[in-house]
């Protein structure tokens, strides 16, 4: 059983240290990993981004650094853990004899068993769960957004498509479930700037299309306690959007901000760069308090805060997953 750790705060974030390395290293070339914690901060899930791979996860309450589960069902690399529901969702092929029949599947995080499935004739680009695990926001090909009802396991509504052909890199649902945001890039970046698209989750209507000063916008994240949204770009910018004014009110430097993750109170932002590095930033000032990189310059992984704020997880270039925390 792991000892109780102190939460990561503005005061101690500069003192983070890697406290665990999950799975043995491998020499096979990988292109990074997607990562997610469960809502209790006891499970950590990972899967390679750009090569066929099996989802695997670890129980952080134990001492073993080997995965406790790795389901046989082939899955796409985009997955989402549903808070409070012991479920992980991805596009998969439950019947390996019919790989062209894609399904949206939910697997139990207890044992990897198949719990729900439904036909899903789309190419999934981005997915995010609501804080209570009842809704999934998804962006698929041609910029189409979907809101998925978890209880009924069906599409609740389509979200209005932007007037230009866009490609989504990330999406998020606001803490109160009223808004959905997506990081949208023109299909050909030289055609125009990246766009933050904001929808009304109740109606599916577009509330605004906010241009940013970079053709590539990669991720969005809602602040957990304030009416703010952050967006990361291919440049050195993290933009802070006031949701009431629907405009960018602040920008701070963070190199090639590929994925964004807040700690529970929103005082810190973990930013994973497009490359083998991540940083932890003080949100109110944009000051970088901690950074780390490895020597595999061909991989990119997100850095994610655990829901209890005690860990930052990052997928390393040797196919291991590192956990950073405040040292005991």
C-alpha atoms as a PDB file:
ATOM      1  CA  UNK A   1       0.000   0.000   0.000  1.00  0.00           C
ATOM      2  CA  UNK A   2       1.451   3.380  -1.007  1.00  0.00           C
ATOM      3  CA  UNK A   3       2.009   5.973   1.694  1.00  0.00           C
ATOM      4  CA  UNK A   4      -0.058   9.111   1.747  1.00  0.00           C
ATOM      5  CA  UNK A   5       1.651  11.878  -0.224  1.00  0.00           C
ATOM      6  CA  UNK A   6       1.315  15.629   0.034  1.00  0.00           C
ATOM      7  CA  UNK A   7      -0.574  17.372  -2.783  1.00  0.00           C
ATOM      8  CA  UNK A   8       1.519  19.217  -5.349  1.00  0.00           C
ATOM      9  CA  UNK A   9       1.176  22.970  -4.761  1.00  0.00           C
ATOM     10  CA  UNK A  10       2.672  26.234  -5.976  1.00  0.00           C
ATOM     11  CA  UNK A  11       4.972  26.138  -2.952  1.00  0.00           C
ATOM     12  CA  UNK A  12       6.450  22.676  -3.589  1.00  0.00           C
ATOM     13  CA  UNK A  13       6.075  22.055  -7.354  1.00  0.00           C
ATOM     14  CA  UNK A  14       9.687  23.050  -8.017  1.00  0.00           C
ATOM     15  CA  UNK A  15      10.781  20.133  -5.801  1.00  0.00           C
ATOM     16  CA  UNK A  16       9.062  17.351  -7.759  1.00  0.00           C
ATOM     17  CA  UNK A  17      10.945  14.122  -8.156  1.00  0.00           C
ATOM     18  CA  UNK A  18      10.228  10.920 -10.041  1.00  0.00           C
ATOM     19  CA  UNK A  19       9.040   8.443  -7.441  1.00  0.00           C
ATOM     20  CA  UNK A  20       8.031   5.487  -9.643  1.00  0.00           C
ATOM     21  CA  UNK A  21       8.669   4.049 -13.075  1.00  0.00           C
ATOM     22  CA  UNK A  22       5.936   1.732 -14.323  1.00  0.00           C
ATOM     23  CA  UNK A  23       6.718  -1.228 -16.638  1.00  0.00           C
ATOM     24  CA  UNK A  24      10.192  -2.306 -17.755  1.00  0.00           C
ATOM     25  CA  UNK A  25      11.834  -0.274 -20.536  1.00  0.00           C
ATOM     26  CA  UNK A  26      11.781  -1.588 -24.100  1.00  0.00           C
ATOM     27  CA  UNK A  27      13.951  -0.703 -27.094  1.00  0.00           C
ATOM     28  CA  UNK A  28      11.130  -0.838 -29.682  1.00  0.00           C
ATOM     29  CA  UNK A  29      10.496   2.569 -31.229  1.00  0.00           C
ATOM     30  CA  UNK A  30       7.331   4.153 -29.831  1.00  0.00           C
ATOM     31  CA  UNK A  31       5.741   7.483 -30.634  1.00  0.00           C
ATOM     32  CA  UNK A  32       4.490   8.337 -27.175  1.00  0.00           C
ATOM     33  CA  UNK A  33       1.597   7.225 -25.016  1.00  0.00           C
ATOM     34  CA  UNK A  34      -1.852   8.440 -24.045  1.00  0.00           C
ATOM     35  CA  UNK A  35      -2.417   8.455 -20.265  1.00  0.00           C
ATOM     36  CA  UNK A  36      -5.346   8.797 -17.850  1.00  0.00           C
ATOM     37  CA  UNK A  37      -6.028   8.316 -14.142  1.00  0.00           C
ATOM     38  CA  UNK A  38      -9.249   6.998 -12.710  1.00  0.00           C
ATOM     39  CA  UNK A  39     -11.234   9.394 -10.498  1.00  0.00           C
ATOM     40  CA  UNK A  40      -9.862   7.868  -7.290  1.00  0.00           C
ATOM     41  CA  UNK A  41      -6.222   8.325  -8.375  1.00  0.00           C
ATOM     42  CA  UNK A  42      -5.652   4.612  -7.771  1.00  0.00           C
ATOM     43  CA  UNK A  43      -5.426   3.404 -11.385  1.00  0.00           C
ATOM     44  CA  UNK A  44      -3.255   4.765 -14.178  1.00  0.00           C
ATOM     45  CA  UNK A  45      -4.004   3.712 -17.761  1.00  0.00           C
ATOM     46  CA  UNK A  46      -1.750   3.998 -20.825  1.00  0.00           C
ATOM     47  CA  UNK A  47      -1.607   3.025 -24.482  1.00  0.00           C
ATOM     48  CA  UNK A  48       0.801   3.808 -27.303  1.00  0.00           C
ATOM     49  CA  UNK A  49      -0.310   6.667 -29.545  1.00  0.00           C
ATOM     50  CA  UNK A  50       0.699   5.690 -33.066  1.00  0.00           C
ATOM     51  CA  UNK A  51       1.297   1.957 -33.187  1.00  0.00           C
ATOM     52  CA  UNK A  52      -1.040  -1.000 -32.608  1.00  0.00           C
ATOM     53  CA  UNK A  53      -1.001  -1.614 -28.891  1.00  0.00           C
ATOM     54  CA  UNK A  54      -3.024  -2.955 -26.004  1.00  0.00           C
ATOM     55  CA  UNK A  55      -4.412  -0.719 -23.309  1.00  0.00           C
ATOM     56  CA  UNK A  56      -2.782  -1.486 -19.981  1.00  0.00           C
ATOM     57  CA  UNK A  57      -3.139  -0.183 -16.462  1.00  0.00           C
ATOM     58  CA  UNK A  58      -1.538  -0.224 -13.046  1.00  0.00           C
ATOM     59  CA  UNK A  59      -2.965  -0.236  -9.507  1.00  0.00           C
ATOM     60  CA  UNK A  60      -1.001   2.473  -7.715  1.00  0.00           C
ATOM     61  CA  UNK A  61      -2.028   1.171  -4.297  1.00  0.00           C
ATOM     62  CA  UNK A  62       0.291  -1.795  -4.742  1.00  0.00           C
ATOM     63  CA  UNK A  63       4.066  -2.012  -4.890  1.00  0.00           C
ATOM     64  CA  UNK A  64       4.316  -3.780  -8.243  1.00  0.00           C
ATOM     65  CA  UNK A  65       5.246  -1.730 -11.291  1.00  0.00           C
ATOM     66  CA  UNK A  66       3.770  -4.337 -13.652  1.00  0.00           C
ATOM     67  CA  UNK A  67       0.316  -3.770 -15.212  1.00  0.00           C
ATOM     68  CA  UNK A  68      -2.581  -5.419 -13.409  1.00  0.00           C
ATOM     69  CA  UNK A  69      -4.707  -5.633 -16.582  1.00  0.00           C
ATOM     70  CA  UNK A  70      -4.304  -5.487 -20.369  1.00  0.00           C
ATOM     71  CA  UNK A  71      -7.507  -6.430 -22.252  1.00  0.00           C
ATOM     72  CA  UNK A  72      -7.307  -8.453 -25.445  1.00  0.00           C
ATOM     73  CA  UNK A  73      -9.786  -6.258 -27.376  1.00  0.00           C
ATOM     74  CA  UNK A  74      -7.943  -4.204 -30.057  1.00  0.00           C
ATOM     75  CA  UNK A  75      -8.530  -0.501 -29.406  1.00  0.00           C
ATOM     76  CA  UNK A  76      -7.720   2.811 -31.016  1.00  0.00           C
ATOM     77  CA  UNK A  77      -5.220   4.974 -29.165  1.00  0.00           C
ATOM     78  CA  UNK A  78      -7.797   7.603 -28.079  1.00  0.00           C
ATOM     79  CA  UNK A  79      -9.418   6.527 -24.824  1.00  0.00           C
ATOM     80  CA  UNK A  80     -11.191   8.123 -21.874  1.00  0.00           C
ATOM     81  CA  UNK A  81     -11.787   7.012 -18.272  1.00  0.00           C
ATOM     82  CA  UNK A  82     -15.287   7.744 -16.965  1.00  0.00           C
ATOM     83  CA  UNK A  83     -15.090   9.319 -13.492  1.00  0.00           C
ATOM     84  CA  UNK A  84     -16.857   7.334 -10.795  1.00  0.00           C
ATOM     85  CA  UNK A  85     -17.973   4.523 -13.115  1.00  0.00           C
ATOM     86  CA  UNK A  86     -15.071   2.040 -13.250  1.00  0.00           C
ATOM     87  CA  UNK A  87     -15.174   2.250 -17.058  1.00  0.00           C
ATOM     88  CA  UNK A  88     -12.736   3.125 -19.803  1.00  0.00           C
ATOM     89  CA  UNK A  89     -14.077   4.045 -23.267  1.00  0.00           C
ATOM     90  CA  UNK A  90     -12.417   3.691 -26.676  1.00  0.00           C
ATOM     91  CA  UNK A  91     -13.178   2.729 -30.265  1.00  0.00           C
ATOM     92  CA  UNK A  92     -12.515  -0.969 -30.700  1.00  0.00           C
ATOM     93  CA  UNK A  93     -13.239  -4.147 -32.545  1.00  0.00           C
ATOM     94  CA  UNK A  94     -14.913  -6.623 -30.128  1.00  0.00           C
ATOM     95  CA  UNK A  95     -15.157  -9.157 -32.953  1.00  0.00           C
ATOM     96  CA  UNK A  96     -11.614  -9.628 -34.338  1.00  0.00           C
ATOM     97  CA  UNK A  97     -13.037 -11.398 -37.413  1.00  0.00           C
ATOM     98  CA  UNK A  98     -14.764  -8.160 -38.482  1.00  0.00           C
ATOM     99  CA  UNK A  99     -12.227  -5.336 -37.900  1.00  0.00           C
ATOM    100  CA  UNK A 100     -14.111  -3.022 -40.253  1.00  0.00           C
ATOM    101  CA  UNK A 101     -17.082  -2.923 -37.862  1.00  0.00           C
ATOM    102  CA  UNK A 102     -15.878  -0.290 -35.425  1.00  0.00           C
ATOM    103  CA  UNK A 103     -17.666  -0.047 -32.082  1.00  0.00           C
ATOM    104  CA  UNK A 104     -17.589   2.443 -29.235  1.00  0.00           C
ATOM    105  CA  UNK A 105     -16.846   0.166 -26.301  1.00  0.00           C
ATOM    106  CA  UNK A 106     -16.721   0.537 -22.524  1.00  0.00           C
ATOM    107  CA  UNK A 107     -14.491  -1.846 -20.586  1.00  0.00           C
ATOM    108  CA  UNK A 108     -14.490  -2.446 -16.859  1.00  0.00           C
ATOM    109  CA  UNK A 109     -11.401  -1.031 -15.168  1.00  0.00           C
ATOM    110  CA  UNK A 110     -11.789  -3.794 -12.588  1.00  0.00           C
ATOM    111  CA  UNK A 111     -11.061  -6.701 -14.915  1.00  0.00           C
ATOM    112  CA  UNK A 112     -11.078  -5.419 -18.525  1.00  0.00           C
ATOM    113  CA  UNK A 113     -14.385  -7.090 -19.407  1.00  0.00           C
ATOM    114  CA  UNK A 114     -16.641  -5.618 -22.085  1.00  0.00           C
ATOM    115  CA  UNK A 115     -19.566  -3.739 -20.521  1.00  0.00           C
ATOM    116  CA  UNK A 116     -21.128  -1.699 -23.362  1.00  0.00           C
ATOM    117  CA  UNK A 117     -20.738  -1.446 -27.121  1.00  0.00           C
ATOM    118  CA  UNK A 118     -22.450   0.367 -29.975  1.00  0.00           C
ATOM    119  CA  UNK A 119     -21.711   0.848 -33.703  1.00  0.00           C
ATOM    120  CA  UNK A 120     -19.441   3.832 -34.293  1.00  0.00           C
ATOM    121  CA  UNK A 121     -18.938   4.609 -38.005  1.00  0.00           C
ATOM    122  CA  UNK A 122     -16.535   7.513 -37.437  1.00  0.00           C
ATOM    123  CA  UNK A 123     -12.850   8.285 -37.199  1.00  0.00           C
ATOM    124  CA  UNK A 124     -12.427   9.524 -33.625  1.00  0.00           C
ATOM    125  CA  UNK A 125     -10.064  12.472 -33.192  1.00  0.00           C
ATOM    126  CA  UNK A 126     -10.672  13.627 -29.600  1.00  0.00           C
ATOM    127  CA  UNK A 127     -12.747  12.597 -26.597  1.00  0.00           C
ATOM    128  CA  UNK A 128     -13.418  13.891 -23.078  1.00  0.00           C
ATOM    129  CA  UNK A 129     -15.703  12.912 -20.182  1.00  0.00           C
ATOM    130  CA  UNK A 130     -17.815  15.094 -17.919  1.00  0.00           C
ATOM    131  CA  UNK A 131     -16.804  15.352 -14.266  1.00  0.00           C
ATOM    132  CA  UNK A 132     -19.588  12.959 -13.214  1.00  0.00           C
ATOM    133  CA  UNK A 133     -18.921  10.460 -16.003  1.00  0.00           C
ATOM    134  CA  UNK A 134     -22.428  10.742 -17.461  1.00  0.00           C
ATOM    135  CA  UNK A 135     -21.457  12.400 -20.763  1.00  0.00           C
ATOM    136  CA  UNK A 136     -18.778  12.022 -23.402  1.00  0.00           C
ATOM    137  CA  UNK A 137     -17.845  14.773 -25.834  1.00  0.00           C
ATOM    138  CA  UNK A 138     -16.255  13.544 -29.039  1.00  0.00           C
ATOM    139  CA  UNK A 139     -14.980  15.206 -32.189  1.00  0.00           C
ATOM    140  CA  UNK A 140     -14.781  13.044 -35.299  1.00  0.00           C
ATOM    141  CA  UNK A 141     -13.961  13.587 -38.968  1.00  0.00           C
ATOM    142  CA  UNK A 142     -15.054  16.747 -40.816  1.00  0.00           C
ATOM    143  CA  UNK A 143     -15.168  18.686 -37.520  1.00  0.00           C
ATOM    144  CA  UNK A 144     -18.373  16.959 -36.391  1.00  0.00           C
ATOM    145  CA  UNK A 145     -18.952  16.963 -32.637  1.00  0.00           C
ATOM    146  CA  UNK A 146     -20.990  14.353 -30.741  1.00  0.00           C
ATOM    147  CA  UNK A 147     -22.386  14.330 -27.218  1.00  0.00           C
ATOM    148  CA  UNK A 148     -22.734  10.766 -25.939  1.00  0.00           C
ATOM    149  CA  UNK A 149     -25.142   9.631 -23.211  1.00  0.00           C
ATOM    150  CA  UNK A 150     -23.300   7.081 -21.075  1.00  0.00           C
ATOM    151  CA  UNK A 151     -26.383   5.732 -19.253  1.00  0.00           C
ATOM    152  CA  UNK A 152     -28.230   4.913 -22.486  1.00  0.00           C
ATOM    153  CA  UNK A 153     -25.012   4.270 -24.426  1.00  0.00           C
ATOM    154  CA  UNK A 154     -26.105   6.237 -27.460  1.00  0.00           C
ATOM    155  CA  UNK A 155     -25.547   9.597 -29.125  1.00  0.00           C
ATOM    156  CA  UNK A 156     -27.527  12.293 -27.318  1.00  0.00           C
ATOM    157  CA  UNK A 157     -27.010  14.967 -29.968  1.00  0.00           C
ATOM    158  CA  UNK A 158     -24.739  16.166 -32.725  1.00  0.00           C
ATOM    159  CA  UNK A 159     -22.874  19.431 -32.237  1.00  0.00           C
ATOM    160  CA  UNK A 160     -23.026  22.122 -34.883  1.00  0.00           C
ATOM    161  CA  UNK A 161     -20.237  21.826 -37.441  1.00  0.00           C
ATOM    162  CA  UNK A 162     -17.959  24.821 -37.961  1.00  0.00           C
ATOM    163  CA  UNK A 163     -18.271  26.569 -41.335  1.00  0.00           C
ATOM    164  CA  UNK A 164     -14.726  25.582 -42.325  1.00  0.00           C
ATOM    165  CA  UNK A 165     -13.250  22.118 -42.629  1.00  0.00           C
ATOM    166  CA  UNK A 166     -11.416  21.540 -39.346  1.00  0.00           C
ATOM    167  CA  UNK A 167      -9.421  18.812 -37.643  1.00  0.00           C
ATOM    168  CA  UNK A 168      -9.778  18.476 -33.878  1.00  0.00           C
ATOM    169  CA  UNK A 169      -6.785  17.718 -31.685  1.00  0.00           C
ATOM    170  CA  UNK A 170      -8.426  17.968 -28.246  1.00  0.00           C
ATOM    171  CA  UNK A 171     -11.766  18.641 -26.583  1.00  0.00           C
ATOM    172  CA  UNK A 172     -13.180  19.164 -23.083  1.00  0.00           C
ATOM    173  CA  UNK A 173     -16.469  19.460 -21.154  1.00  0.00           C
ATOM    174  CA  UNK A 174     -16.842  22.249 -18.592  1.00  0.00           C
ATOM    175  CA  UNK A 175     -17.139  21.244 -14.909  1.00  0.00           C
ATOM    176  CA  UNK A 176     -20.825  22.229 -14.886  1.00  0.00           C
ATOM    177  CA  UNK A 177     -21.497  20.255 -18.141  1.00  0.00           C
ATOM    178  CA  UNK A 178     -22.915  23.376 -19.855  1.00  0.00           C
ATOM    179  CA  UNK A 179     -20.114  23.948 -22.377  1.00  0.00           C
ATOM    180  CA  UNK A 180     -17.989  21.874 -24.724  1.00  0.00           C
ATOM    181  CA  UNK A 181     -14.783  23.199 -26.250  1.00  0.00           C
ATOM    182  CA  UNK A 182     -12.553  21.849 -29.006  1.00  0.00           C
ATOM    183  CA  UNK A 183      -9.127  22.724 -30.365  1.00  0.00           C
ATOM    184  CA  UNK A 184      -9.746  22.954 -34.096  1.00  0.00           C
ATOM    185  CA  UNK A 185      -7.125  23.286 -36.832  1.00  0.00           C
ATOM    186  CA  UNK A 186      -7.761  23.981 -40.484  1.00  0.00           C
ATOM    187  CA  UNK A 187      -7.382  20.824 -42.544  1.00  0.00           C
ATOM    188  CA  UNK A 188      -4.475  22.582 -44.249  1.00  0.00           C
ATOM    189  CA  UNK A 189      -2.833  24.840 -41.638  1.00  0.00           C
ATOM    190  CA  UNK A 190      -1.706  27.413 -44.199  1.00  0.00           C
ATOM    191  CA  UNK A 191      -5.379  28.160 -44.899  1.00  0.00           C
ATOM    192  CA  UNK A 192      -5.883  30.077 -41.682  1.00  0.00           C
ATOM    193  CA  UNK A 193      -5.481  30.274 -37.899  1.00  0.00           C
ATOM    194  CA  UNK A 194      -6.377  27.626 -35.378  1.00  0.00           C
ATOM    195  CA  UNK A 195      -9.793  27.978 -33.773  1.00  0.00           C
ATOM    196  CA  UNK A 196     -11.262  27.394 -30.347  1.00  0.00           C
ATOM    197  CA  UNK A 197     -14.812  26.202 -30.935  1.00  0.00           C
ATOM    198  CA  UNK A 198     -17.253  26.530 -28.049  1.00  0.00           C
ATOM    199  CA  UNK A 199     -20.642  24.756 -28.014  1.00  0.00           C
ATOM    200  CA  UNK A 200     -23.725  24.907 -25.831  1.00  0.00           C
ATOM    201  CA  UNK A 201     -23.935  21.329 -24.535  1.00  0.00           C
ATOM    202  CA  UNK A 202     -27.704  21.575 -24.048  1.00  0.00           C
ATOM    203  CA  UNK A 203     -28.528  22.484 -27.655  1.00  0.00           C
ATOM    204  CA  UNK A 204     -25.387  21.602 -29.596  1.00  0.00           C
ATOM    205  CA  UNK A 205     -25.254  25.121 -31.040  1.00  0.00           C
ATOM    206  CA  UNK A 206     -21.934  26.865 -31.626  1.00  0.00           C
ATOM    207  CA  UNK A 207     -21.513  29.752 -29.202  1.00  0.00           C
ATOM    208  CA  UNK A 208     -18.301  31.152 -30.663  1.00  0.00           C
ATOM    209  CA  UNK A 209     -15.341  30.456 -32.941  1.00  0.00           C
ATOM    210  CA  UNK A 210     -12.305  32.143 -31.448  1.00  0.00           C
ATOM    211  CA  UNK A 211      -9.212  32.452 -33.652  1.00  0.00           C
ATOM    212  CA  UNK A 212      -5.714  32.166 -32.181  1.00  0.00           C
ATOM    213  CA  UNK A 213      -2.430  33.465 -33.566  1.00  0.00           C
ATOM    214  CA  UNK A 214      -1.106  30.060 -34.603  1.00  0.00           C
ATOM    215  CA  UNK A 215      -2.317  27.755 -37.398  1.00  0.00           C
ATOM    216  CA  UNK A 216      -2.007  24.693 -35.129  1.00  0.00           C
ATOM    217  CA  UNK A 217      -4.024  24.527 -31.918  1.00  0.00           C
ATOM    218  CA  UNK A 218      -3.628  21.288 -30.030  1.00  0.00           C
ATOM    219  CA  UNK A 219      -5.581  21.166 -26.798  1.00  0.00           C
ATOM    220  CA  UNK A 220      -8.108  22.886 -24.546  1.00  0.00           C
ATOM    221  CA  UNK A 221      -8.852  22.513 -20.830  1.00  0.00           C
ATOM    222  CA  UNK A 222     -11.449  24.154 -18.594  1.00  0.00           C
ATOM    223  CA  UNK A 223     -10.275  25.669 -15.329  1.00  0.00           C
ATOM    224  CA  UNK A 224     -11.753  23.569 -12.489  1.00  0.00           C
ATOM    225  CA  UNK A 225     -13.114  26.486 -10.405  1.00  0.00           C
ATOM    226  CA  UNK A 226     -13.176  29.646 -12.557  1.00  0.00           C
ATOM    227  CA  UNK A 227     -14.968  30.551 -15.832  1.00  0.00           C
ATOM    228  CA  UNK A 228     -11.757  30.199 -17.819  1.00  0.00           C
ATOM    229  CA  UNK A 229     -10.481  27.985 -20.615  1.00  0.00           C
ATOM    230  CA  UNK A 230      -6.877  27.403 -21.660  1.00  0.00           C
ATOM    231  CA  UNK A 231      -5.689  26.491 -25.147  1.00  0.00           C
ATOM    232  CA  UNK A 232      -2.265  25.286 -26.257  1.00  0.00           C
ATOM    233  CA  UNK A 233      -0.693  25.941 -29.655  1.00  0.00           C
ATOM    234  CA  UNK A 234       2.221  24.795 -31.782  1.00  0.00           C
ATOM    235  CA  UNK A 235       3.991  28.042 -30.943  1.00  0.00           C
ATOM    236  CA  UNK A 236       5.155  28.986 -27.480  1.00  0.00           C
ATOM    237  CA  UNK A 237       1.702  30.043 -26.316  1.00  0.00           C
ATOM    238  CA  UNK A 238      -0.891  28.989 -23.799  1.00  0.00           C
ATOM    239  CA  UNK A 239      -3.925  31.239 -24.206  1.00  0.00           C
ATOM    240  CA  UNK A 240      -6.318  31.940 -21.343  1.00  0.00           C
ATOM    241  CA  UNK A 241      -9.911  32.571 -22.460  1.00  0.00           C
ATOM    242  CA  UNK A 242     -12.516  34.345 -20.340  1.00  0.00           C
ATOM    243  CA  UNK A 243     -15.691  32.322 -20.974  1.00  0.00           C
ATOM    244  CA  UNK A 244     -18.018  35.160 -20.000  1.00  0.00           C
ATOM    245  CA  UNK A 245     -16.351  37.684 -22.300  1.00  0.00           C
ATOM    246  CA  UNK A 246     -15.419  34.964 -24.838  1.00  0.00           C
ATOM    247  CA  UNK A 247     -12.047  36.464 -25.577  1.00  0.00           C
ATOM    248  CA  UNK A 248      -8.393  35.765 -24.860  1.00  0.00           C
ATOM    249  CA  UNK A 249      -7.415  37.749 -21.759  1.00  0.00           C
ATOM    250  CA  UNK A 250      -3.904  36.447 -21.134  1.00  0.00           C
ATOM    251  CA  UNK A 251      -1.135  34.479 -22.813  1.00  0.00           C
ATOM    252  CA  UNK A 252       1.983  32.906 -21.332  1.00  0.00           C
ATOM    253  CA  UNK A 253       4.950  31.082 -22.784  1.00  0.00           C
ATOM    254  CA  UNK A 254       5.022  27.283 -22.855  1.00  0.00           C
ATOM    255  CA  UNK A 255       6.949  25.636 -25.715  1.00  0.00           C
ATOM    256  CA  UNK A 256       4.751  23.756 -28.209  1.00  0.00           C
ATOM    257  CA  UNK A 257       1.922  23.170 -25.737  1.00  0.00           C
ATOM    258  CA  UNK A 258       0.525  19.842 -26.926  1.00  0.00           C
ATOM    259  CA  UNK A 259      -1.521  18.664 -23.904  1.00  0.00           C
ATOM    260  CA  UNK A 260      -2.850  20.534 -20.865  1.00  0.00           C
ATOM    261  CA  UNK A 261      -3.866  19.285 -17.408  1.00  0.00           C
ATOM    262  CA  UNK A 262      -4.921  21.279 -14.327  1.00  0.00           C
ATOM    263  CA  UNK A 263      -4.370  20.220 -10.741  1.00  0.00           C
ATOM    264  CA  UNK A 264      -7.610  20.061  -8.654  1.00  0.00           C
ATOM    265  CA  UNK A 265      -7.716  23.689  -7.515  1.00  0.00           C
ATOM    266  CA  UNK A 266      -6.461  25.142 -10.808  1.00  0.00           C
ATOM    267  CA  UNK A 267      -3.364  26.765  -9.339  1.00  0.00           C
ATOM    268  CA  UNK A 268      -1.045  24.621 -11.480  1.00  0.00           C
ATOM    269  CA  UNK A 269      -1.067  23.583 -15.127  1.00  0.00           C
ATOM    270  CA  UNK A 270       0.914  20.635 -16.469  1.00  0.00           C
ATOM    271  CA  UNK A 271       1.925  21.270 -20.086  1.00  0.00           C
ATOM    272  CA  UNK A 272       3.315  18.474 -22.244  1.00  0.00           C
ATOM    273  CA  UNK A 273       5.248  19.744 -25.216  1.00  0.00           C
ATOM    274  CA  UNK A 274       5.242  18.350 -28.723  1.00  0.00           C
ATOM    275  CA  UNK A 275       8.462  16.481 -28.026  1.00  0.00           C
ATOM    276  CA  UNK A 276      10.105  14.620 -25.147  1.00  0.00           C
ATOM    277  CA  UNK A 277       9.449  17.189 -22.401  1.00  0.00           C
ATOM    278  CA  UNK A 278       6.848  18.571 -20.015  1.00  0.00           C
ATOM    279  CA  UNK A 279       6.572  21.409 -17.507  1.00  0.00           C
ATOM    280  CA  UNK A 280       4.473  22.426 -14.516  1.00  0.00           C
ATOM    281  CA  UNK A 281       3.411  26.071 -14.539  1.00  0.00           C
ATOM    282  CA  UNK A 282       1.965  28.426 -11.976  1.00  0.00           C
ATOM    283  CA  UNK A 283      -1.331  29.314 -13.609  1.00  0.00           C
ATOM    284  CA  UNK A 284      -1.832  32.848 -12.293  1.00  0.00           C
ATOM    285  CA  UNK A 285       1.569  34.100 -13.451  1.00  0.00           C
ATOM    286  CA  UNK A 286       2.609  31.611 -16.143  1.00  0.00           C
ATOM    287  CA  UNK A 287       5.887  30.938 -14.328  1.00  0.00           C
ATOM    288  CA  UNK A 288       7.394  27.534 -15.042  1.00  0.00           C
ATOM    289  CA  UNK A 289       8.093  25.848 -11.724  1.00  0.00           C
ATOM    290  CA  UNK A 290       9.338  22.456 -12.910  1.00  0.00           C
ATOM    291  CA  UNK A 291      10.397  20.795 -16.148  1.00  0.00           C
ATOM    292  CA  UNK A 292      11.694  17.432 -17.309  1.00  0.00           C
ATOM    293  CA  UNK A 293      12.750  15.846 -20.587  1.00  0.00           C
ATOM    294  CA  UNK A 294      14.269  12.588 -21.767  1.00  0.00           C
ATOM    295  CA  UNK A 295      16.549  11.724 -24.662  1.00  0.00           C
ATOM    296  CA  UNK A 296      13.967  10.212 -27.031  1.00  0.00           C
ATOM    297  CA  UNK A 297      13.215  13.073 -29.394  1.00  0.00           C
ATOM    298  CA  UNK A 298      10.821  10.981 -31.498  1.00  0.00           C
ATOM    299  CA  UNK A 299       8.057  10.655 -28.892  1.00  0.00           C
ATOM    300  CA  UNK A 300       5.372  12.908 -27.434  1.00  0.00           C
ATOM    301  CA  UNK A 301       3.186  12.051 -24.434  1.00  0.00           C
ATOM    302  CA  UNK A 302       0.757  14.020 -22.269  1.00  0.00           C
ATOM    303  CA  UNK A 303       1.575  14.988 -18.689  1.00  0.00           C
ATOM    304  CA  UNK A 304      -1.490  14.556 -16.481  1.00  0.00           C
ATOM    305  CA  UNK A 305      -2.254  15.472 -12.885  1.00  0.00           C
ATOM    306  CA  UNK A 306      -3.922  12.806 -10.785  1.00  0.00           C
ATOM    307  CA  UNK A 307      -7.402  13.881  -9.587  1.00  0.00           C
ATOM    308  CA  UNK A 308      -6.161  14.094  -5.986  1.00  0.00           C
ATOM    309  CA  UNK A 309      -3.292  16.346  -7.059  1.00  0.00           C
ATOM    310  CA  UNK A 310      -0.485  14.186  -5.659  1.00  0.00           C
ATOM    311  CA  UNK A 311       1.057  12.895  -8.910  1.00  0.00           C
ATOM    312  CA  UNK A 312       2.003  14.010 -12.389  1.00  0.00           C
ATOM    313  CA  UNK A 313       2.265  11.106 -14.842  1.00  0.00           C
ATOM    314  CA  UNK A 314       4.197  11.281 -18.108  1.00  0.00           C
ATOM    315  CA  UNK A 315       4.828   8.663 -20.787  1.00  0.00           C
ATOM    316  CA  UNK A 316       8.568   8.210 -21.250  1.00  0.00           C
ATOM    317  CA  UNK A 317      10.437   7.423 -24.447  1.00  0.00           C
ATOM    318  CA  UNK A 318      11.350   3.875 -23.398  1.00  0.00           C
ATOM    319  CA  UNK A 319       7.650   2.879 -23.108  1.00  0.00           C
ATOM    320  CA  UNK A 320       7.691   3.227 -19.318  1.00  0.00           C
ATOM    321  CA  UNK A 321       5.455   5.673 -17.449  1.00  0.00           C
ATOM    322  CA  UNK A 322       7.005   7.968 -14.849  1.00  0.00           C
ATOM    323  CA  UNK A 323       5.245   9.303 -11.765  1.00  0.00           C
ATOM    324  CA  UNK A 324       6.402  12.582 -10.231  1.00  0.00           C
ATOM    325  CA  UNK A 325       5.456  13.659  -6.717  1.00  0.00           C
ATOM    326  CA  UNK A 326       6.652  15.602  -3.729  1.00  0.00           C
ATOM    327  CA  UNK A 327       9.383  13.545  -2.092  1.00  0.00           C
ATOM    328  CA  UNK A 328       8.568  11.949   1.280  1.00  0.00           C
END
